[in-house]
Protein backbone atom coordinates (compact mmCIF):
# COMPACT_ATOMS: atom_id res chain seq x y z
CA MET A 1 -18.24 30.43 -50.91
CA LYS A 2 -20.37 30.47 -54.05
CA ALA A 3 -22.79 27.59 -54.53
CA SER A 4 -21.08 26.64 -57.82
CA THR A 5 -17.67 26.48 -56.13
CA LEU A 6 -19.02 24.38 -53.28
CA SER A 7 -20.63 22.04 -55.79
CA SER A 8 -17.31 21.64 -57.63
CA VAL A 9 -15.50 20.79 -54.39
CA THR A 10 -18.20 18.27 -53.48
CA ASN A 11 -17.94 16.66 -56.92
CA ALA A 12 -14.15 16.39 -56.64
CA LEU A 13 -14.38 14.73 -53.24
CA ARG A 14 -17.05 12.34 -54.49
CA ILE A 15 -14.78 11.28 -57.35
CA LEU A 16 -11.70 10.82 -55.14
CA ARG A 17 -13.68 8.61 -52.75
CA LEU A 18 -14.49 6.19 -55.58
CA PHE A 19 -10.93 4.89 -55.46
CA SER A 20 -10.14 2.13 -52.98
CA GLN A 21 -7.99 -0.94 -52.45
CA LYS A 22 -10.40 -2.90 -54.64
CA GLN A 23 -10.76 -0.14 -57.26
CA LYS A 24 -7.28 1.25 -57.75
CA GLU A 25 -7.97 2.37 -61.33
CA LEU A 26 -11.16 3.57 -63.00
CA SER A 27 -12.02 4.50 -66.55
CA PHE A 28 -13.78 7.77 -67.25
CA THR A 29 -16.99 5.84 -67.91
CA ASP A 30 -16.62 4.09 -64.54
CA ILE A 31 -16.24 7.45 -62.79
CA VAL A 32 -19.36 8.87 -64.45
CA GLN A 33 -21.44 5.79 -63.63
CA LEU A 34 -20.25 5.40 -60.04
CA SER A 35 -20.40 9.08 -59.12
CA HIS A 36 -23.81 9.68 -60.75
CA LEU A 37 -22.52 13.06 -61.93
CA PRO A 38 -23.18 14.67 -65.32
CA LYS A 39 -20.64 13.73 -67.96
CA SER A 40 -19.65 17.32 -68.72
CA SER A 41 -18.98 18.37 -65.13
CA THR A 42 -17.22 15.07 -64.44
CA HIS A 43 -14.87 15.74 -67.36
CA ARG A 44 -13.98 19.20 -65.99
CA THR A 45 -13.49 17.93 -62.45
CA VAL A 46 -11.31 14.99 -63.50
CA ALA A 47 -9.19 17.30 -65.70
CA THR A 48 -8.65 19.64 -62.72
CA LEU A 49 -7.74 16.77 -60.39
CA VAL A 50 -5.18 15.51 -62.92
CA LYS A 51 -3.73 18.98 -63.37
CA GLU A 52 -3.33 19.43 -59.60
CA GLY A 53 -1.82 15.98 -59.12
CA PHE A 54 -4.68 14.37 -57.19
CA LEU A 55 -5.35 11.98 -60.07
CA SER A 56 -3.00 10.56 -62.68
CA ARG A 57 -3.63 8.67 -65.88
CA ASN A 58 -2.18 5.26 -66.59
CA PRO A 59 -0.67 5.63 -70.08
CA ARG A 60 -1.08 1.91 -70.76
CA THR A 61 -4.80 1.62 -69.91
CA ASN A 62 -5.91 5.29 -70.03
CA HIS A 63 -7.57 4.64 -66.68
CA TYR A 64 -7.34 7.06 -63.78
CA ARG A 65 -5.71 6.42 -60.41
CA LEU A 66 -4.90 8.47 -57.32
CA GLY A 67 -1.99 10.86 -57.80
CA LEU A 68 1.05 11.69 -55.71
CA ALA A 69 -0.62 14.80 -54.24
CA ILE A 70 -2.81 12.45 -52.19
CA LEU A 71 0.28 10.68 -50.85
CA SER A 72 1.89 13.99 -49.98
CA LEU A 73 -1.12 15.15 -47.96
CA GLY A 74 -1.37 11.74 -46.31
CA GLY A 75 2.23 12.03 -45.18
CA VAL A 76 1.51 15.40 -43.56
CA ILE A 77 -1.50 13.98 -41.73
CA PHE A 78 0.35 10.93 -40.43
CA SER A 79 3.45 12.84 -39.33
CA HIS A 80 1.41 15.39 -37.38
CA HIS A 81 -1.31 13.09 -36.06
CA GLU A 82 -1.03 13.01 -32.28
CA LEU A 83 -1.58 9.27 -32.19
CA TYR A 84 1.24 8.70 -34.68
CA LYS A 85 3.76 10.83 -32.83
CA GLU A 86 3.09 9.28 -29.45
CA ALA A 87 2.58 5.68 -30.52
CA LEU A 88 5.32 5.04 -33.07
CA PRO A 89 8.17 4.37 -30.59
CA ILE A 90 5.93 2.03 -28.58
CA VAL A 91 4.79 0.14 -31.67
CA LYS A 92 8.39 -0.24 -32.84
CA ARG A 93 9.44 -1.71 -29.49
CA LEU A 94 6.45 -4.06 -29.48
CA SER A 95 7.24 -5.33 -32.97
CA GLU A 96 10.90 -5.86 -32.07
CA THR A 97 10.05 -7.62 -28.80
CA LEU A 98 7.52 -10.01 -30.33
CA ASP A 99 9.29 -10.26 -33.69
CA GLU A 100 6.02 -9.78 -35.59
CA SER A 101 4.36 -6.97 -37.54
CA ALA A 102 2.43 -4.41 -35.50
CA HIS A 103 -0.23 -1.92 -36.59
CA ILE A 104 -2.27 1.03 -35.37
CA CYS A 105 -5.78 1.18 -36.82
CA LEU A 106 -8.80 3.47 -36.82
CA MET A 107 -12.44 2.81 -37.68
CA GLU A 108 -14.04 4.85 -40.44
CA ASN A 109 -17.37 4.30 -42.22
CA MET A 110 -17.71 0.77 -40.85
CA GLU A 111 -14.25 -0.26 -42.06
CA VAL A 112 -10.92 -0.54 -40.28
CA VAL A 113 -8.20 1.75 -41.65
CA TYR A 114 -4.48 1.10 -41.15
CA LEU A 115 -2.86 4.31 -39.89
CA PHE A 116 0.69 2.99 -39.69
CA ARG A 117 2.69 -0.21 -39.30
CA VAL A 118 6.03 -1.67 -38.29
CA GLU A 119 6.88 -4.79 -40.29
CA SER A 120 8.61 -7.89 -39.00
CA ARG A 121 11.64 -9.50 -40.62
CA HIS A 122 9.77 -12.74 -41.50
CA PRO A 123 9.49 -13.49 -45.23
CA ASP A 124 5.93 -14.76 -44.71
CA ARG A 125 4.75 -11.52 -43.06
CA LEU A 126 1.56 -9.92 -44.35
CA LEU A 127 2.24 -6.66 -46.19
CA THR A 128 -0.37 -4.10 -45.14
CA GLN A 129 -0.50 -0.80 -46.98
CA ILE A 130 -0.91 2.41 -45.02
CA GLY A 131 -4.43 3.71 -45.58
CA ARG A 132 -5.71 0.27 -46.52
CA LYS A 133 -9.30 -0.44 -45.50
CA ASN A 134 -10.38 -3.88 -44.31
CA PRO A 135 -13.72 -5.25 -43.14
CA ILE A 136 -14.42 -5.12 -39.42
CA HIS A 137 -16.11 -8.44 -38.74
CA CYS A 138 -13.08 -10.59 -39.62
CA THR A 139 -10.23 -8.47 -38.23
CA SER A 140 -9.15 -8.24 -34.60
CA GLU A 141 -8.26 -4.57 -35.16
CA GLY A 142 -11.77 -3.72 -36.31
CA LEU A 143 -13.70 -5.78 -33.77
CA CYS A 144 -11.55 -4.44 -30.95
CA ILE A 145 -12.75 -0.91 -31.78
CA LEU A 146 -16.32 -1.87 -32.66
CA ALA A 147 -16.87 -3.71 -29.37
CA PHE A 148 -16.63 -0.43 -27.45
CA GLN A 149 -18.87 1.67 -29.71
CA ASP A 150 -22.53 2.42 -29.03
CA GLU A 151 -25.18 -0.23 -29.56
CA SER A 152 -26.50 1.34 -32.78
CA THR A 153 -23.05 1.14 -34.41
CA ILE A 154 -22.67 -2.52 -33.43
CA THR A 155 -26.17 -3.26 -34.73
CA GLN A 156 -25.36 -1.54 -38.03
CA LEU A 157 -22.47 -3.92 -38.62
CA LEU A 158 -24.43 -7.00 -37.60
CA GLN A 159 -27.22 -6.11 -40.01
CA SER A 160 -24.87 -5.62 -42.95
CA GLU A 161 -23.73 -8.28 -45.40
CA LEU A 162 -20.84 -10.15 -43.77
CA TYR A 163 -18.67 -11.87 -46.35
CA PRO A 164 -16.95 -15.16 -45.39
CA TYR A 165 -13.34 -14.55 -46.43
CA THR A 166 -12.29 -17.96 -45.12
CA PRO A 167 -14.16 -21.00 -43.76
CA TYR A 168 -13.46 -19.59 -40.28
CA THR A 169 -14.88 -16.10 -40.75
CA LEU A 170 -17.64 -15.29 -38.26
CA THR A 171 -20.74 -14.21 -40.16
CA HIS A 172 -23.57 -15.09 -37.79
CA ARG A 173 -25.00 -12.46 -35.47
CA ASN A 174 -24.93 -14.58 -32.29
CA ASP A 175 -21.32 -15.66 -32.84
CA LEU A 176 -20.21 -12.07 -33.29
CA LEU A 177 -22.22 -10.85 -30.29
CA SER A 178 -20.57 -13.53 -28.15
CA LEU A 179 -17.12 -12.48 -29.38
CA ILE A 180 -17.89 -8.80 -28.78
CA ALA A 181 -18.93 -9.61 -25.21
CA ASP A 182 -15.60 -11.42 -24.70
CA ILE A 183 -13.68 -8.44 -26.07
CA GLN A 184 -15.51 -6.08 -23.72
CA LYS A 185 -14.75 -8.36 -20.77
CA ASN A 186 -11.11 -9.15 -21.54
CA ASP A 187 -10.04 -5.94 -23.31
CA TYR A 188 -8.47 -7.70 -26.29
CA CYS A 189 -9.45 -9.62 -29.42
CA LEU A 190 -7.77 -12.73 -30.80
CA LEU A 191 -8.71 -14.10 -34.21
CA GLU A 192 -7.25 -17.02 -36.12
CA ASN A 193 -7.72 -17.68 -39.85
CA THR A 194 -10.70 -15.33 -40.16
CA TYR A 195 -9.34 -13.02 -42.89
CA TYR A 196 -6.22 -14.84 -44.05
CA GLU A 197 -5.85 -18.54 -43.42
CA ASN A 198 -2.84 -19.57 -41.32
CA TYR A 199 -2.53 -16.11 -39.77
CA THR A 200 -3.37 -14.98 -36.25
CA SER A 201 -4.07 -11.43 -35.14
CA ILE A 202 -4.34 -10.03 -31.62
CA ALA A 203 -5.52 -6.50 -30.90
CA ALA A 204 -6.10 -4.31 -27.85
CA PRO A 205 -8.08 -1.05 -27.67
CA ILE A 206 -6.51 2.41 -27.37
CA ARG A 207 -8.48 5.00 -25.37
CA ASP A 208 -8.37 8.79 -25.34
CA TYR A 209 -8.60 11.09 -22.31
CA THR A 210 -12.39 10.58 -22.10
CA GLY A 211 -12.04 6.79 -21.96
CA LYS A 212 -13.47 6.39 -25.47
CA VAL A 213 -11.88 3.70 -27.63
CA VAL A 214 -10.50 5.61 -30.63
CA SER A 215 -8.19 3.06 -32.24
CA SER A 216 -6.54 -0.31 -31.77
CA LEU A 217 -3.05 -1.78 -31.62
CA SER A 218 -2.56 -5.16 -33.24
CA VAL A 219 0.10 -7.75 -33.95
CA ILE A 220 -0.29 -10.12 -36.88
CA GLY A 221 1.83 -13.15 -37.69
CA HIS A 222 1.83 -16.68 -39.01
CA SER A 223 -0.22 -18.88 -36.72
CA SER A 224 2.64 -21.33 -36.29
CA ARG A 225 4.52 -18.65 -34.32
CA MET A 226 1.57 -17.60 -32.17
CA THR A 227 0.41 -20.68 -30.28
CA GLY A 228 -0.01 -21.87 -26.70
CA LYS A 229 1.96 -19.95 -24.07
CA LYS A 230 3.25 -17.55 -26.70
CA GLN A 231 -0.30 -16.30 -27.22
CA GLU A 232 -0.53 -15.40 -23.55
CA ILE A 233 2.75 -13.47 -23.77
CA PHE A 234 1.58 -11.67 -26.91
CA ILE A 235 -1.72 -10.68 -25.29
CA GLU A 236 0.04 -9.31 -22.21
CA LYS A 237 2.57 -7.30 -24.24
CA ILE A 238 -0.02 -5.91 -26.66
CA LYS A 239 -2.39 -4.84 -23.88
CA ASP A 240 0.48 -3.22 -22.01
CA ALA A 241 1.61 -1.28 -25.10
CA ALA A 242 -1.96 -0.19 -25.89
CA GLY A 243 -2.28 1.01 -22.30
CA LYS A 244 0.88 3.11 -22.61
CA ILE A 245 -0.40 4.74 -25.80
CA SER A 246 -3.70 5.44 -24.06
CA GLU A 247 -1.79 7.15 -21.26
CA TYR A 248 -0.10 9.43 -23.78
CA LEU A 249 -3.59 10.36 -24.98
CA GLY A 250 -4.61 11.21 -21.42
CA HIS A 251 -6.34 8.02 -20.32
CA TYR A 252 -5.42 6.46 -16.98
CA SER A 253 -7.12 3.26 -15.86
């Protein structure tokens, strides 16, 4: 591949990665400033991405947003991802049994990414978009994966800026280290009110054939429905389902 072609591909990927849950639309000026790319090459790359459907332009604001080609590729990835194929029936049964929303998540670049979900029937359920990225330190899904990573990865998170999303968000190093130790000991994570107030999330790790924790299975619901003895039932069911998914991936405890 020619150096110029490789550079164009790199520039395109850099631009696509600027878009996120917090930055759904960007002006051309935003793209130039955030990507630190020359204006002329940015113009050519953006025009190509629009032509190929990877970006689209909002006619009302003239800002750019991700196009349907991204969604199409994402659908191919999810439908063929081994974890998706093996886990979906288990996650559906778990959600139906507990009558709450269930998710499978991965960790990427120190964020937790939602791979897929099964929503509950409750009108007060949290609506989580597929592909959404959330912080690790205040989500059971993220901490449940982080707790089983190497020490340098854990340290990297603890040394980063930890935003308090609610009055109950853990932002102090010692508090998080204590929680991580509990997760490692008990093989699950339970958080209440740490990202959304009045909501409880419980997650268990999913392991591959090497025993490495590669993802997590979580259930999230209004805290009023996840108290006392019900929490114990939820924990048992979630751990059991995560264990079954791990078995499909070749891990046997």
